[in-house]
């Protein structure tokens, strides 16, 4: 890890307990996510497969509405897949582009969510 990366708070995978460099830290297998809607179900993800190794840098890109945020919510544990499996070794963190609260939670629920995700 460079000094610049350390200054930015980057995490060296070798520093994570039980994670060896090059080991798979994120596995998404056959993930589908469907949301129930008033008129018809909305298929946000259809059979997504992804594997990320320790130390890899991954960007998720695509047009609006293609499922990027849904995938990130699944990885962070905020949503459950309709089908398939998401496996994460170690910790996950989520940072929003703008400060926001989850509108379906109370103020206390928003605070508790962060605590629950950290165990």
PDB file of N, CA and C in Angstrom:
ATOM      1  N   UNK A   1       0.846  -1.173   0.000  1.00  0.00           N
ATOM      2  CA  UNK A   1       0.000   0.000   0.000  1.00  0.00           C
ATOM      3  C   UNK A   1       0.891   1.235   0.000  1.00  0.00           C
ATOM      4  N   UNK A   2       0.549   2.200  -0.838  1.00  0.00           N
ATOM      5  CA  UNK A   2       1.339   3.426  -0.894  1.00  0.00           C
ATOM      6  C   UNK A   2       0.970   4.332   0.273  1.00  0.00           C
ATOM      7  N   UNK A   3       1.821   5.342   0.524  1.00  0.00           N
ATOM      8  CA  UNK A   3       1.525   6.314   1.576  1.00  0.00           C
ATOM      9  C   UNK A   3       0.251   7.077   1.263  1.00  0.00           C
ATOM     10  N   UNK A   4       0.013   7.376  -0.030  1.00  0.00           N
ATOM     11  CA  UNK A   4      -1.212   8.087  -0.422  1.00  0.00           C
ATOM     12  C   UNK A   4      -2.447   7.260  -0.106  1.00  0.00           C
ATOM     13  N   UNK A   5      -2.391   5.950  -0.395  1.00  0.00           N
ATOM     14  CA  UNK A   5      -3.532   5.087  -0.106  1.00  0.00           C
ATOM     15  C   UNK A   5      -3.780   5.015   1.392  1.00  0.00           C
ATOM     16  N   UNK A   6      -2.725   4.925   2.170  1.00  0.00           N
ATOM     17  CA  UNK A   6      -2.876   4.868   3.619  1.00  0.00           C
ATOM     18  C   UNK A   6      -3.477   6.166   4.147  1.00  0.00           C
ATOM     19  N   UNK A   7      -3.052   7.299   3.586  1.00  0.00           N
ATOM     20  CA  UNK A   7      -3.571   8.594   4.022  1.00  0.00           C
ATOM     21  C   UNK A   7      -5.057   8.728   3.709  1.00  0.00           C
ATOM     22  N   UNK A   8      -5.510   8.080   2.639  1.00  0.00           N
ATOM     23  CA  UNK A   8      -6.921   8.141   2.272  1.00  0.00           C
ATOM     24  C   UNK A   8      -7.766   7.130   3.033  1.00  0.00           C
ATOM     25  N   UNK A   9      -7.156   6.348   3.878  1.00  0.00           N
ATOM     26  CA  UNK A   9      -7.895   5.377   4.669  1.00  0.00           C
ATOM     27  C   UNK A   9      -8.127   4.067   3.941  1.00  0.00           C
ATOM     28  N   UNK A  10      -7.352   3.783   2.903  1.00  0.00           N
ATOM     29  CA  UNK A  10      -7.500   2.526   2.173  1.00  0.00           C
ATOM     30  C   UNK A  10      -7.155   1.362   3.095  1.00  0.00           C
ATOM     31  N   UNK A  11      -7.844   0.257   2.890  1.00  0.00           N
ATOM     32  CA  UNK A  11      -7.620  -0.929   3.699  1.00  0.00           C
ATOM     33  C   UNK A  11      -6.783  -1.906   2.895  1.00  0.00           C
ATOM     34  N   UNK A  12      -5.679  -2.317   3.470  1.00  0.00           N
ATOM     35  CA  UNK A  12      -4.844  -3.332   2.844  1.00  0.00           C
ATOM     36  C   UNK A  12      -5.468  -4.686   3.172  1.00  0.00           C
ATOM     37  N   UNK A  13      -5.858  -5.480   2.151  1.00  0.00           N
ATOM     38  CA  UNK A  13      -6.489  -6.771   2.420  1.00  0.00           C
ATOM     39  C   UNK A  13      -5.649  -7.664   3.321  1.00  0.00           C
ATOM     40  N   UNK A  14      -4.343  -7.524   3.266  1.00  0.00           N
ATOM     41  CA  UNK A  14      -3.483  -8.338   4.116  1.00  0.00           C
ATOM     42  C   UNK A  14      -3.665  -8.001   5.591  1.00  0.00           C
ATOM     43  N   UNK A  15      -4.199  -6.803   5.892  1.00  0.00           N
ATOM     44  CA  UNK A  15      -4.437  -6.404   7.274  1.00  0.00           C
ATOM     45  C   UNK A  15      -5.745  -6.954   7.823  1.00  0.00           C
ATOM     46  N   UNK A  16      -6.621  -7.457   6.973  1.00  0.00           N
ATOM     47  CA  UNK A  16      -7.893  -8.000   7.428  1.00  0.00           C
ATOM     48  C   UNK A  16      -7.671  -9.401   7.981  1.00  0.00           C
ATOM     49  N   UNK A  17      -8.207  -9.688   9.159  1.00  0.00           N
ATOM     50  CA  UNK A  17      -8.015 -11.016   9.737  1.00  0.00           C
ATOM     51  C   UNK A  17      -8.622 -12.093   8.844  1.00  0.00           C
ATOM     52  N   UNK A  18      -7.862 -13.135   8.571  1.00  0.00           N
ATOM     53  CA  UNK A  18      -8.360 -14.271   7.817  1.00  0.00           C
ATOM     54  C   UNK A  18      -8.485 -14.069   6.321  1.00  0.00           C
ATOM     55  N   UNK A  19      -8.007 -12.942   5.786  1.00  0.00           N
ATOM     56  CA  UNK A  19      -8.103 -12.697   4.347  1.00  0.00           C
ATOM     57  C   UNK A  19      -6.699 -12.678   3.758  1.00  0.00           C
ATOM     58  N   UNK A  20      -6.420 -13.644   2.908  1.00  0.00           N
ATOM     59  CA  UNK A  20      -5.109 -13.676   2.274  1.00  0.00           C
ATOM     60  C   UNK A  20      -5.171 -12.950   0.939  1.00  0.00           C
ATOM     61  N   UNK A  21      -4.085 -12.301   0.529  1.00  0.00           N
ATOM     62  CA  UNK A  21      -4.077 -11.584  -0.746  1.00  0.00           C
ATOM     63  C   UNK A  21      -4.488 -12.507  -1.890  1.00  0.00           C
ATOM     64  N   UNK A  22      -5.366 -12.030  -2.743  1.00  0.00           N
ATOM     65  CA  UNK A  22      -5.850 -12.804  -3.881  1.00  0.00           C
ATOM     66  C   UNK A  22      -7.038 -13.698  -3.571  1.00  0.00           C
ATOM     67  N   UNK A  23      -7.382 -13.834  -2.282  1.00  0.00           N
ATOM     68  CA  UNK A  23      -8.533 -14.660  -1.913  1.00  0.00           C
ATOM     69  C   UNK A  23      -9.823 -13.963  -2.329  1.00  0.00           C
ATOM     70  N   UNK A  24     -10.846 -14.725  -2.613  1.00  0.00           N
ATOM     71  CA  UNK A  24     -12.146 -14.153  -2.969  1.00  0.00           C
ATOM     72  C   UNK A  24     -12.763 -13.520  -1.731  1.00  0.00           C
ATOM     73  N   UNK A  25     -13.097 -12.230  -1.833  1.00  0.00           N
ATOM     74  CA  UNK A  25     -13.719 -11.525  -0.716  1.00  0.00           C
ATOM     75  C   UNK A  25     -15.186 -11.202  -0.984  1.00  0.00           C
ATOM     76  N   UNK A  26     -15.599 -11.312  -2.252  1.00  0.00           N
ATOM     77  CA  UNK A  26     -16.999 -11.095  -2.612  1.00  0.00           C
ATOM     78  C   UNK A  26     -17.356 -12.072  -3.719  1.00  0.00           C
ATOM     79  N   UNK A  27     -18.425 -12.826  -3.494  1.00  0.00           N
ATOM     80  CA  UNK A  27     -18.924 -13.742  -4.522  1.00  0.00           C
ATOM     81  C   UNK A  27     -20.425 -13.532  -4.670  1.00  0.00           C
ATOM     82  N   UNK A  28     -20.850 -13.232  -5.874  1.00  0.00           N
ATOM     83  CA  UNK A  28     -22.263 -13.074  -6.202  1.00  0.00           C
ATOM     84  C   UNK A  28     -22.567 -14.177  -7.209  1.00  0.00           C
ATOM     85  N   UNK A  29     -23.474 -15.069  -6.863  1.00  0.00           N
ATOM     86  CA  UNK A  29     -23.739 -16.240  -7.696  1.00  0.00           C
ATOM     87  C   UNK A  29     -25.215 -16.323  -8.075  1.00  0.00           C
ATOM     88  N   UNK A  30     -25.495 -16.189  -9.365  1.00  0.00           N
ATOM     89  CA  UNK A  30     -26.855 -16.365  -9.877  1.00  0.00           C
ATOM     90  C   UNK A  30     -27.893 -15.481  -9.213  1.00  0.00           C
ATOM     91  N   UNK A  31     -27.514 -14.264  -8.884  1.00  0.00           N
ATOM     92  CA  UNK A  31     -28.411 -13.384  -8.134  1.00  0.00           C
ATOM     93  C   UNK A  31     -29.478 -12.762  -9.035  1.00  0.00           C
ATOM     94  N   UNK A  32     -30.677 -12.887  -8.560  1.00  0.00           N
ATOM     95  CA  UNK A  32     -31.835 -12.237  -9.176  1.00  0.00           C
ATOM     96  C   UNK A  32     -32.528 -11.430  -8.090  1.00  0.00           C
ATOM     97  N   UNK A  33     -33.033 -10.269  -8.465  1.00  0.00           N
ATOM     98  CA  UNK A  33     -33.796  -9.446  -7.524  1.00  0.00           C
ATOM     99  C   UNK A  33     -35.017  -8.919  -8.240  1.00  0.00           C
ATOM    100  N   UNK A  34     -36.173  -9.243  -7.702  1.00  0.00           N
ATOM    101  CA  UNK A  34     -37.437  -8.786  -8.250  1.00  0.00           C
ATOM    102  C   UNK A  34     -38.168  -8.011  -7.167  1.00  0.00           C
ATOM    103  N   UNK A  35     -38.652  -6.854  -7.519  1.00  0.00           N
ATOM    104  CA  UNK A  35     -39.446  -6.039  -6.605  1.00  0.00           C
ATOM    105  C   UNK A  35     -40.911  -6.138  -7.018  1.00  0.00           C
ATOM    106  N   UNK A  36     -41.769  -6.327  -6.039  1.00  0.00           N
ATOM    107  CA  UNK A  36     -43.200  -6.352  -6.332  1.00  0.00           C
ATOM    108  C   UNK A  36     -43.663  -4.914  -6.566  1.00  0.00           C
ATOM    109  N   UNK A  37     -44.438  -4.723  -7.623  1.00  0.00           N
ATOM    110  CA  UNK A  37     -44.966  -3.405  -7.958  1.00  0.00           C
ATOM    111  C   UNK A  37     -46.464  -3.534  -8.210  1.00  0.00           C
ATOM    112  N   UNK A  38     -47.143  -2.421  -8.207  1.00  0.00           N
ATOM    113  CA  UNK A  38     -48.597  -2.417  -8.342  1.00  0.00           C
ATOM    114  C   UNK A  38     -49.066  -3.055  -9.643  1.00  0.00           C
ATOM    115  N   UNK A  39     -48.443  -2.696 -10.753  1.00  0.00           N
ATOM    116  CA  UNK A  39     -48.887  -3.204 -12.052  1.00  0.00           C
ATOM    117  C   UNK A  39     -48.246  -4.539 -12.420  1.00  0.00           C
ATOM    118  N   UNK A  40     -46.972  -4.671 -12.181  1.00  0.00           N
ATOM    119  CA  UNK A  40     -46.252  -5.906 -12.530  1.00  0.00           C
ATOM    120  C   UNK A  40     -44.932  -5.935 -11.763  1.00  0.00           C
ATOM    121  N   UNK A  41     -44.402  -7.129 -11.504  1.00  0.00           N
ATOM    122  CA  UNK A  41     -43.101  -7.207 -10.826  1.00  0.00           C
ATOM    123  C   UNK A  41     -42.011  -6.534 -11.660  1.00  0.00           C
ATOM    124  N   UNK A  42     -41.044  -5.940 -10.956  1.00  0.00           N
ATOM    125  CA  UNK A  42     -39.919  -5.285 -11.627  1.00  0.00           C
ATOM    126  C   UNK A  42     -38.677  -6.140 -11.390  1.00  0.00           C
ATOM    127  N   UNK A  43     -38.086  -6.638 -12.466  1.00  0.00           N
ATOM    128  CA  UNK A  43     -36.868  -7.444 -12.368  1.00  0.00           C
ATOM    129  C   UNK A  43     -35.663  -6.509 -12.430  1.00  0.00           C
ATOM    130  N   UNK A  44     -35.046  -6.294 -11.269  1.00  0.00           N
ATOM    131  CA  UNK A  44     -33.916  -5.369 -11.199  1.00  0.00           C
ATOM    132  C   UNK A  44     -32.607  -6.053 -11.587  1.00  0.00           C
ATOM    133  N   UNK A  45     -32.460  -7.309 -11.219  1.00  0.00           N
ATOM    134  CA  UNK A  45     -31.249  -8.073 -11.546  1.00  0.00           C
ATOM    135  C   UNK A  45     -31.666  -9.450 -12.042  1.00  0.00           C
ATOM    136  N   UNK A  46     -30.952  -9.926 -13.047  1.00  0.00           N
ATOM    137  CA  UNK A  46     -31.275 -11.233 -13.637  1.00  0.00           C
ATOM    138  C   UNK A  46     -30.008 -12.063 -13.778  1.00  0.00           C
ATOM    139  N   UNK A  47     -29.776 -12.961 -12.857  1.00  0.00           N
ATOM    140  CA  UNK A  47     -28.668 -13.902 -12.964  1.00  0.00           C
ATOM    141  C   UNK A  47     -27.289 -13.272 -12.941  1.00  0.00           C
ATOM    142  N   UNK A  48     -27.026 -12.417 -11.959  1.00  0.00           N
ATOM    143  CA  UNK A  48     -25.732 -11.739 -11.862  1.00  0.00           C
ATOM    144  C   UNK A  48     -24.706 -12.651 -11.196  1.00  0.00           C
ATOM    145  N   UNK A  49     -23.537 -12.754 -11.807  1.00  0.00           N
ATOM    146  CA  UNK A  49     -22.393 -13.470 -11.246  1.00  0.00           C
ATOM    147  C   UNK A  49     -21.223 -12.501 -11.174  1.00  0.00           C
ATOM    148  N   UNK A  50     -20.545 -12.472 -10.030  1.00  0.00           N
ATOM    149  CA  UNK A  50     -19.422 -11.567  -9.836  1.00  0.00           C
ATOM    150  C   UNK A  50     -18.499 -12.167  -8.785  1.00  0.00           C
ATOM    151  N   UNK A  51     -17.215 -12.047  -9.009  1.00  0.00           N
ATOM    152  CA  UNK A  51     -16.236 -12.490  -8.013  1.00  0.00           C
ATOM    153  C   UNK A  51     -15.164 -11.415  -7.902  1.00  0.00           C
ATOM    154  N   UNK A  52     -14.859 -11.010  -6.672  1.00  0.00           N
ATOM    155  CA  UNK A  52     -13.848  -9.987  -6.427  1.00  0.00           C
ATOM    156  C   UNK A  52     -12.823 -10.561  -5.458  1.00  0.00           C
ATOM    157  N   UNK A  53     -11.550 -10.447  -5.807  1.00  0.00           N
ATOM    158  CA  UNK A  53     -10.466 -10.940  -4.961  1.00  0.00           C
ATOM    159  C   UNK A  53      -9.929  -9.807  -4.089  1.00  0.00           C
ATOM    160  N   UNK A  54      -9.339 -10.181  -2.982  1.00  0.00           N
ATOM    161  CA  UNK A  54      -8.718  -9.201  -2.085  1.00  0.00           C
ATOM    162  C   UNK A  54      -7.720  -8.363  -2.872  1.00  0.00           C
ATOM    163  N   UNK A  55      -7.788  -7.061  -2.681  1.00  0.00           N
ATOM    164  CA  UNK A  55      -6.866  -6.150  -3.353  1.00  0.00           C
ATOM    165  C   UNK A  55      -7.343  -5.658  -4.702  1.00  0.00           C
ATOM    166  N   UNK A  56      -8.403  -6.240  -5.249  1.00  0.00           N
ATOM    167  CA  UNK A  56      -8.915  -5.784  -6.535  1.00  0.00           C
ATOM    168  C   UNK A  56      -9.742  -4.516  -6.363  1.00  0.00           C
ATOM    169  N   UNK A  57      -9.736  -3.698  -7.386  1.00  0.00           N
ATOM    170  CA  UNK A  57     -10.549  -2.490  -7.441  1.00  0.00           C
ATOM    171  C   UNK A  57     -11.576  -2.730  -8.537  1.00  0.00           C
ATOM    172  N   UNK A  58     -12.858  -2.611  -8.207  1.00  0.00           N
ATOM    173  CA  UNK A  58     -13.927  -2.914  -9.151  1.00  0.00           C
ATOM    174  C   UNK A  58     -14.845  -1.704  -9.279  1.00  0.00           C
ATOM    175  N   UNK A  59     -15.229  -1.393 -10.503  1.00  0.00           N
ATOM    176  CA  UNK A  59     -16.195  -0.322 -10.766  1.00  0.00           C
ATOM    177  C   UNK A  59     -17.439  -0.949 -11.379  1.00  0.00           C
ATOM    178  N   UNK A  60     -18.593  -0.506 -10.922  1.00  0.00           N
ATOM    179  CA  UNK A  60     -19.862  -0.964 -11.484  1.00  0.00           C
ATOM    180  C   UNK A  60     -20.443   0.204 -12.251  1.00  0.00           C
ATOM    181  N   UNK A  61     -20.595  -0.001 -13.551  1.00  0.00           N
ATOM    182  CA  UNK A  61     -21.047   1.096 -14.417  1.00  0.00           C
ATOM    183  C   UNK A  61     -22.245   0.640 -15.234  1.00  0.00           C
ATOM    184  N   UNK A  62     -23.084   1.597 -15.582  1.00  0.00           N
ATOM    185  CA  UNK A  62     -24.226   1.299 -16.434  1.00  0.00           C
ATOM    186  C   UNK A  62     -25.202   2.444 -16.401  1.00  0.00           C
ATOM    187  N   UNK A  63     -26.200   2.392 -17.288  1.00  0.00           N
ATOM    188  CA  UNK A  63     -27.176   3.477 -17.353  1.00  0.00           C
ATOM    189  C   UNK A  63     -28.100   3.476 -16.140  1.00  0.00           C
ATOM    190  N   UNK A  64     -28.786   4.552 -15.949  1.00  0.00           N
ATOM    191  CA  UNK A  64     -29.752   4.684 -14.871  1.00  0.00           C
ATOM    192  C   UNK A  64     -30.792   3.573 -14.968  1.00  0.00           C
ATOM    193  N   UNK A  65     -31.071   2.949 -13.834  1.00  0.00           N
ATOM    194  CA  UNK A  65     -32.095   1.918 -13.792  1.00  0.00           C
ATOM    195  C   UNK A  65     -31.631   0.521 -14.147  1.00  0.00           C
ATOM    196  N   UNK A  66     -30.319   0.312 -14.319  1.00  0.00           N
ATOM    197  CA  UNK A  66     -29.847  -1.007 -14.743  1.00  0.00           C
ATOM    198  C   UNK A  66     -29.589  -1.960 -13.573  1.00  0.00           C
ATOM    199  N   UNK A  67     -29.658  -1.481 -12.318  1.00  0.00           N
ATOM    200  CA  UNK A  67     -29.506  -2.361 -11.166  1.00  0.00           C
ATOM    201  C   UNK A  67     -28.241  -2.164 -10.351  1.00  0.00           C
ATOM    202  N   UNK A  68     -27.469  -1.110 -10.634  1.00  0.00           N
ATOM    203  CA  UNK A  68     -26.221  -0.873  -9.896  1.00  0.00           C
ATOM    204  C   UNK A  68     -26.479  -0.718  -8.397  1.00  0.00           C
ATOM    205  N   UNK A  69     -27.395   0.146  -8.042  1.00  0.00           N
ATOM    206  CA  UNK A  69     -27.689   0.389  -6.622  1.00  0.00           C
ATOM    207  C   UNK A  69     -28.296  -0.842  -5.967  1.00  0.00           C
ATOM    208  N   UNK A  70     -29.121  -1.556  -6.691  1.00  0.00           N
ATOM    209  CA  UNK A  70     -29.700  -2.787  -6.151  1.00  0.00           C
ATOM    210  C   UNK A  70     -28.601  -3.787  -5.822  1.00  0.00           C
ATOM    211  N   UNK A  71     -27.639  -3.947  -6.713  1.00  0.00           N
ATOM    212  CA  UNK A  71     -26.524  -4.856  -6.465  1.00  0.00           C
ATOM    213  C   UNK A  71     -25.733  -4.422  -5.232  1.00  0.00           C
ATOM    214  N   UNK A  72     -25.444  -3.135  -5.121  1.00  0.00           N
ATOM    215  CA  UNK A  72     -24.692  -2.636  -3.966  1.00  0.00           C
ATOM    216  C   UNK A  72     -25.478  -2.823  -2.670  1.00  0.00           C
ATOM    217  N   UNK A  73     -26.798  -2.636  -2.716  1.00  0.00           N
ATOM    218  CA  UNK A  73     -27.625  -2.862  -1.530  1.00  0.00           C
ATOM    219  C   UNK A  73     -27.604  -4.329  -1.106  1.00  0.00           C
ATOM    220  N   UNK A  74     -27.553  -5.238  -2.071  1.00  0.00           N
ATOM    221  CA  UNK A  74     -27.453  -6.662  -1.762  1.00  0.00           C
ATOM    222  C   UNK A  74     -26.110  -6.985  -1.112  1.00  0.00           C
ATOM    223  N   UNK A  75     -25.037  -6.442  -1.663  1.00  0.00           N
ATOM    224  CA  UNK A  75     -23.694  -6.686  -1.121  1.00  0.00           C
ATOM    225  C   UNK A  75     -23.591  -6.124   0.301  1.00  0.00           C
ATOM    226  N   UNK A  76     -24.204  -4.971   0.542  1.00  0.00           N
ATOM    227  CA  UNK A  76     -24.149  -4.344   1.864  1.00  0.00           C
ATOM    228  C   UNK A  76     -25.082  -5.022   2.865  1.00  0.00           C
ATOM    229  N   UNK A  77     -25.945  -5.912   2.388  1.00  0.00           N
ATOM    230  CA  UNK A  77     -26.873  -6.591   3.286  1.00  0.00           C
ATOM    231  C   UNK A  77     -28.137  -5.818   3.568  1.00  0.00           C
ATOM    232  N   UNK A  78     -28.393  -4.757   2.806  1.00  0.00           N
ATOM    233  CA  UNK A  78     -29.605  -3.961   3.001  1.00  0.00           C
ATOM    234  C   UNK A  78     -30.815  -4.600   2.338  1.00  0.00           C
ATOM    235  N   UNK A  79     -30.576  -5.462   1.371  1.00  0.00           N
ATOM    236  CA  UNK A  79     -31.630  -6.192   0.661  1.00  0.00           C
ATOM    237  C   UNK A  79     -31.225  -7.657   0.615  1.00  0.00           C
ATOM    238  N   UNK A  80     -32.193  -8.531   0.390  1.00  0.00           N
ATOM    239  CA  UNK A  80     -31.942  -9.957   0.196  1.00  0.00           C
ATOM    240  C   UNK A  80     -32.257 -10.297  -1.257  1.00  0.00           C
ATOM    241  N   UNK A  81     -31.456 -11.159  -1.883  1.00  0.00           N
ATOM    242  CA  UNK A  81     -31.769 -11.528  -3.264  1.00  0.00           C
ATOM    243  C   UNK A  81     -33.042 -12.376  -3.328  1.00  0.00           C
ATOM    244  N   UNK A  82     -33.766 -12.254  -4.431  1.00  0.00           N
ATOM    245  CA  UNK A  82     -34.921 -13.110  -4.668  1.00  0.00           C
ATOM    246  C   UNK A  82     -34.439 -14.530  -4.932  1.00  0.00           C
ATOM    247  N   UNK A  83     -33.341 -14.649  -5.667  1.00  0.00           N
ATOM    248  CA  UNK A  83     -32.688 -15.933  -5.936  1.00  0.00           C
ATOM    249  C   UNK A  83     -31.185 -15.718  -5.913  1.00  0.00           C
ATOM    250  N   UNK A  84     -30.441 -16.799  -5.705  1.00  0.00           N
ATOM    251  CA  UNK A  84     -28.987 -16.719  -5.731  1.00  0.00           C
ATOM    252  C   UNK A  84     -28.410 -16.423  -4.363  1.00  0.00           C
ATOM    253  N   UNK A  85     -27.113 -16.150  -4.368  1.00  0.00           N
ATOM    254  CA  UNK A  85     -26.404 -15.969  -3.099  1.00  0.00           C
ATOM    255  C   UNK A  85     -25.341 -14.899  -3.218  1.00  0.00           C
ATOM    256  N   UNK A  86     -25.211 -14.096  -2.159  1.00  0.00           N
ATOM    257  CA  UNK A  86     -24.154 -13.093  -2.027  1.00  0.00           C
ATOM    258  C   UNK A  86     -23.321 -13.488  -0.812  1.00  0.00           C
ATOM    259  N   UNK A  87     -22.025 -13.703  -1.021  1.00  0.00           N
ATOM    260  CA  UNK A  87     -21.132 -14.086   0.065  1.00  0.00           C
ATOM    261  C   UNK A  87     -20.033 -13.041   0.178  1.00  0.00           C
ATOM    262  N   UNK A  88     -19.879 -12.502   1.383  1.00  0.00           N
ATOM    263  CA  UNK A  88     -18.872 -11.475   1.641  1.00  0.00           C
ATOM    264  C   UNK A  88     -17.955 -11.966   2.747  1.00  0.00           C
ATOM    265  N   UNK A  89     -16.652 -11.944   2.495  1.00  0.00           N
ATOM    266  CA  UNK A  89     -15.665 -12.283   3.520  1.00  0.00           C
ATOM    267  C   UNK A  89     -15.203 -10.977   4.153  1.00  0.00           C
ATOM    268  N   UNK A  90     -15.354 -10.862   5.443  1.00  0.00           N
ATOM    269  CA  UNK A  90     -14.935  -9.629   6.112  1.00  0.00           C
ATOM    270  C   UNK A  90     -16.083  -8.640   6.227  1.00  0.00           C
ATOM    271  N   UNK A  91     -15.735  -7.390   6.257  1.00  0.00           N
ATOM    272  CA  UNK A  91     -16.704  -6.321   6.492  1.00  0.00           C
ATOM    273  C   UNK A  91     -17.064  -5.620   5.200  1.00  0.00           C
ATOM    274  N   UNK A  92     -18.263  -5.055   5.176  1.00  0.00           N
ATOM    275  CA  UNK A  92     -18.664  -4.203   4.069  1.00  0.00           C
ATOM    276  C   UNK A  92     -18.990  -2.824   4.624  1.00  0.00           C
ATOM    277  N   UNK A  93     -18.893  -1.842   3.787  1.00  0.00           N
ATOM    278  CA  UNK A  93     -19.258  -0.480   4.166  1.00  0.00           C
ATOM    279  C   UNK A  93     -19.972   0.145   2.977  1.00  0.00           C
ATOM    280  N   UNK A  94     -20.834   1.069   3.264  1.00  0.00           N
ATOM    281  CA  UNK A  94     -21.612   1.724   2.224  1.00  0.00           C
ATOM    282  C   UNK A  94     -21.581   3.221   2.466  1.00  0.00           C
ATOM    283  N   UNK A  95     -21.260   3.971   1.443  1.00  0.00           N
ATOM    284  CA  UNK A  95     -21.271   5.423   1.547  1.00  0.00           C
ATOM    285  C   UNK A  95     -22.152   5.963   0.432  1.00  0.00           C
ATOM    286  N   UNK A  96     -23.133   6.752   0.815  1.00  0.00           N
ATOM    287  CA  UNK A  96     -24.050   7.315  -0.153  1.00  0.00           C
ATOM    288  C   UNK A  96     -23.441   8.545  -0.812  1.00  0.00           C
ATOM    289  N   UNK A  97     -23.912   8.854  -2.012  1.00  0.00           N
ATOM    290  CA  UNK A  97     -23.428  10.044  -2.709  1.00  0.00           C
ATOM    291  C   UNK A  97     -23.854  11.309  -1.979  1.00  0.00           C
ATOM    292  N   UNK A  98     -25.021  11.256  -1.374  1.00  0.00           N
ATOM    293  CA  UNK A  98     -25.538  12.404  -0.621  1.00  0.00           C
ATOM    294  C   UNK A  98     -25.984  11.905   0.747  1.00  0.00           C
ATOM    295  N   UNK A  99     -25.910  12.769   1.771  1.00  0.00           N
ATOM    296  CA  UNK A  99     -26.405  12.345   3.080  1.00  0.00           C
ATOM    297  C   UNK A  99     -27.887  11.994   2.956  1.00  0.00           C
ATOM    298  N   UNK A 100     -28.251  10.842   3.496  1.00  0.00           N
ATOM    299  CA  UNK A 100     -29.648  10.414   3.366  1.00  0.00           C
ATOM    300  C   UNK A 100     -30.010   9.461   4.491  1.00  0.00           C
ATOM    301  N   UNK A 101     -31.288   9.422   4.782  1.00  0.00           N
ATOM    302  CA  UNK A 101     -31.846   8.455   5.712  1.00  0.00           C
ATOM    303  C   UNK A 101     -32.728   7.502   4.916  1.00  0.00           C
ATOM    304  N   UNK A 102     -32.916   6.295   5.429  1.00  0.00           N
ATOM    305  CA  UNK A 102     -33.835   5.367   4.786  1.00  0.00           C
ATOM    306  C   UNK A 102     -35.247   5.788   5.177  1.00  0.00           C
ATOM    307  N   UNK A 103     -36.063   6.208   4.215  1.00  0.00           N
ATOM    308  CA  UNK A 103     -37.384   6.763   4.541  1.00  0.00           C
ATOM    309  C   UNK A 103     -38.333   5.759   5.180  1.00  0.00           C
ATOM    310  N   UNK A 104     -38.106   4.452   5.005  1.00  0.00           N
ATOM    311  CA  UNK A 104     -38.995   3.457   5.583  1.00  0.00           C
ATOM    312  C   UNK A 104     -38.648   3.150   7.037  1.00  0.00           C
ATOM    313  N   UNK A 105     -37.548   3.730   7.546  1.00  0.00           N
ATOM    314  CA  UNK A 105     -37.152   3.542   8.936  1.00  0.00           C
ATOM    315  C   UNK A 105     -37.408   4.819   9.730  1.00  0.00           C
ATOM    316  N   UNK A 106     -37.626   4.649  11.018  1.00  0.00           N
ATOM    317  CA  UNK A 106     -37.719   5.810  11.902  1.00  0.00           C
ATOM    318  C   UNK A 106     -36.320   6.383  12.088  1.00  0.00           C
ATOM    319  N   UNK A 107     -36.224   7.531  12.754  1.00  0.00           N
ATOM    320  CA  UNK A 107     -34.908   8.115  13.041  1.00  0.00           C
ATOM    321  C   UNK A 107     -34.084   7.122  13.864  1.00  0.00           C
ATOM    322  N   UNK A 108     -34.703   6.525  14.873  1.00  0.00           N
ATOM    323  CA  UNK A 108     -33.995   5.539  15.697  1.00  0.00           C
ATOM    324  C   UNK A 108     -33.608   4.325  14.863  1.00  0.00           C
ATOM    325  N   UNK A 109     -34.489   3.914  13.965  1.00  0.00           N
ATOM    326  CA  UNK A 109     -34.200   2.775  13.097  1.00  0.00           C
ATOM    327  C   UNK A 109     -33.002   3.024  12.199  1.00  0.00           C
ATOM    328  N   UNK A 110     -32.853   4.253  11.720  1.00  0.00           N
ATOM    329  CA  UNK A 110     -31.693   4.603  10.893  1.00  0.00           C
ATOM    330  C   UNK A 110     -30.403   4.508  11.702  1.00  0.00           C
ATOM    331  N   UNK A 111     -30.436   4.954  12.948  1.00  0.00           N
ATOM    332  CA  UNK A 111     -29.255   4.865  13.808  1.00  0.00           C
ATOM    333  C   UNK A 111     -28.963   3.408  14.148  1.00  0.00           C
ATOM    334  N   UNK A 112     -30.005   2.642  14.476  1.00  0.00           N
ATOM    335  CA  UNK A 112     -29.829   1.234  14.843  1.00  0.00           C
ATOM    336  C   UNK A 112     -29.294   0.405  13.685  1.00  0.00           C
ATOM    337  N   UNK A 113     -29.652   0.765  12.455  1.00  0.00           N
ATOM    338  CA  UNK A 113     -29.210  -0.003  11.297  1.00  0.00           C
ATOM    339  C   UNK A 113     -27.687  -0.068  11.220  1.00  0.00           C
ATOM    340  N   UNK A 114     -27.037   1.070  11.383  1.00  0.00           N
ATOM    341  CA  UNK A 114     -25.575   1.096  11.353  1.00  0.00           C
ATOM    342  C   UNK A 114     -24.995   0.222  12.463  1.00  0.00           C
ATOM    343  N   UNK A 115     -25.597   0.262  13.628  1.00  0.00           N
ATOM    344  CA  UNK A 115     -25.110  -0.542  14.749  1.00  0.00           C
ATOM    345  C   UNK A 115     -25.327  -2.034  14.482  1.00  0.00           C
ATOM    346  N   UNK A 116     -26.494  -2.392  13.933  1.00  0.00           N
ATOM    347  CA  UNK A 116     -26.771  -3.801  13.618  1.00  0.00           C
ATOM    348  C   UNK A 116     -25.800  -4.322  12.565  1.00  0.00           C
ATOM    349  N   UNK A 117     -25.508  -3.525  11.550  1.00  0.00           N
ATOM    350  CA  UNK A 117     -24.602  -3.953  10.479  1.00  0.00           C
ATOM    351  C   UNK A 117     -23.187  -4.164  10.998  1.00  0.00           C
ATOM    352  N   UNK A 118     -22.834  -3.474  12.071  1.00  0.00           N
ATOM    353  CA  UNK A 118     -21.492  -3.642  12.654  1.00  0.00           C
ATOM    354  C   UNK A 118     -21.465  -4.732  13.720  1.00  0.00           C
ATOM    355  N   UNK A 119     -22.641  -5.333  13.982  1.00  0.00           N
ATOM    356  CA  UNK A 119     -22.704  -6.435  14.977  1.00  0.00           C
ATOM    357  C   UNK A 119     -22.748  -5.920  16.380  1.00  0.00           C
TER     358      UNK A 119
END
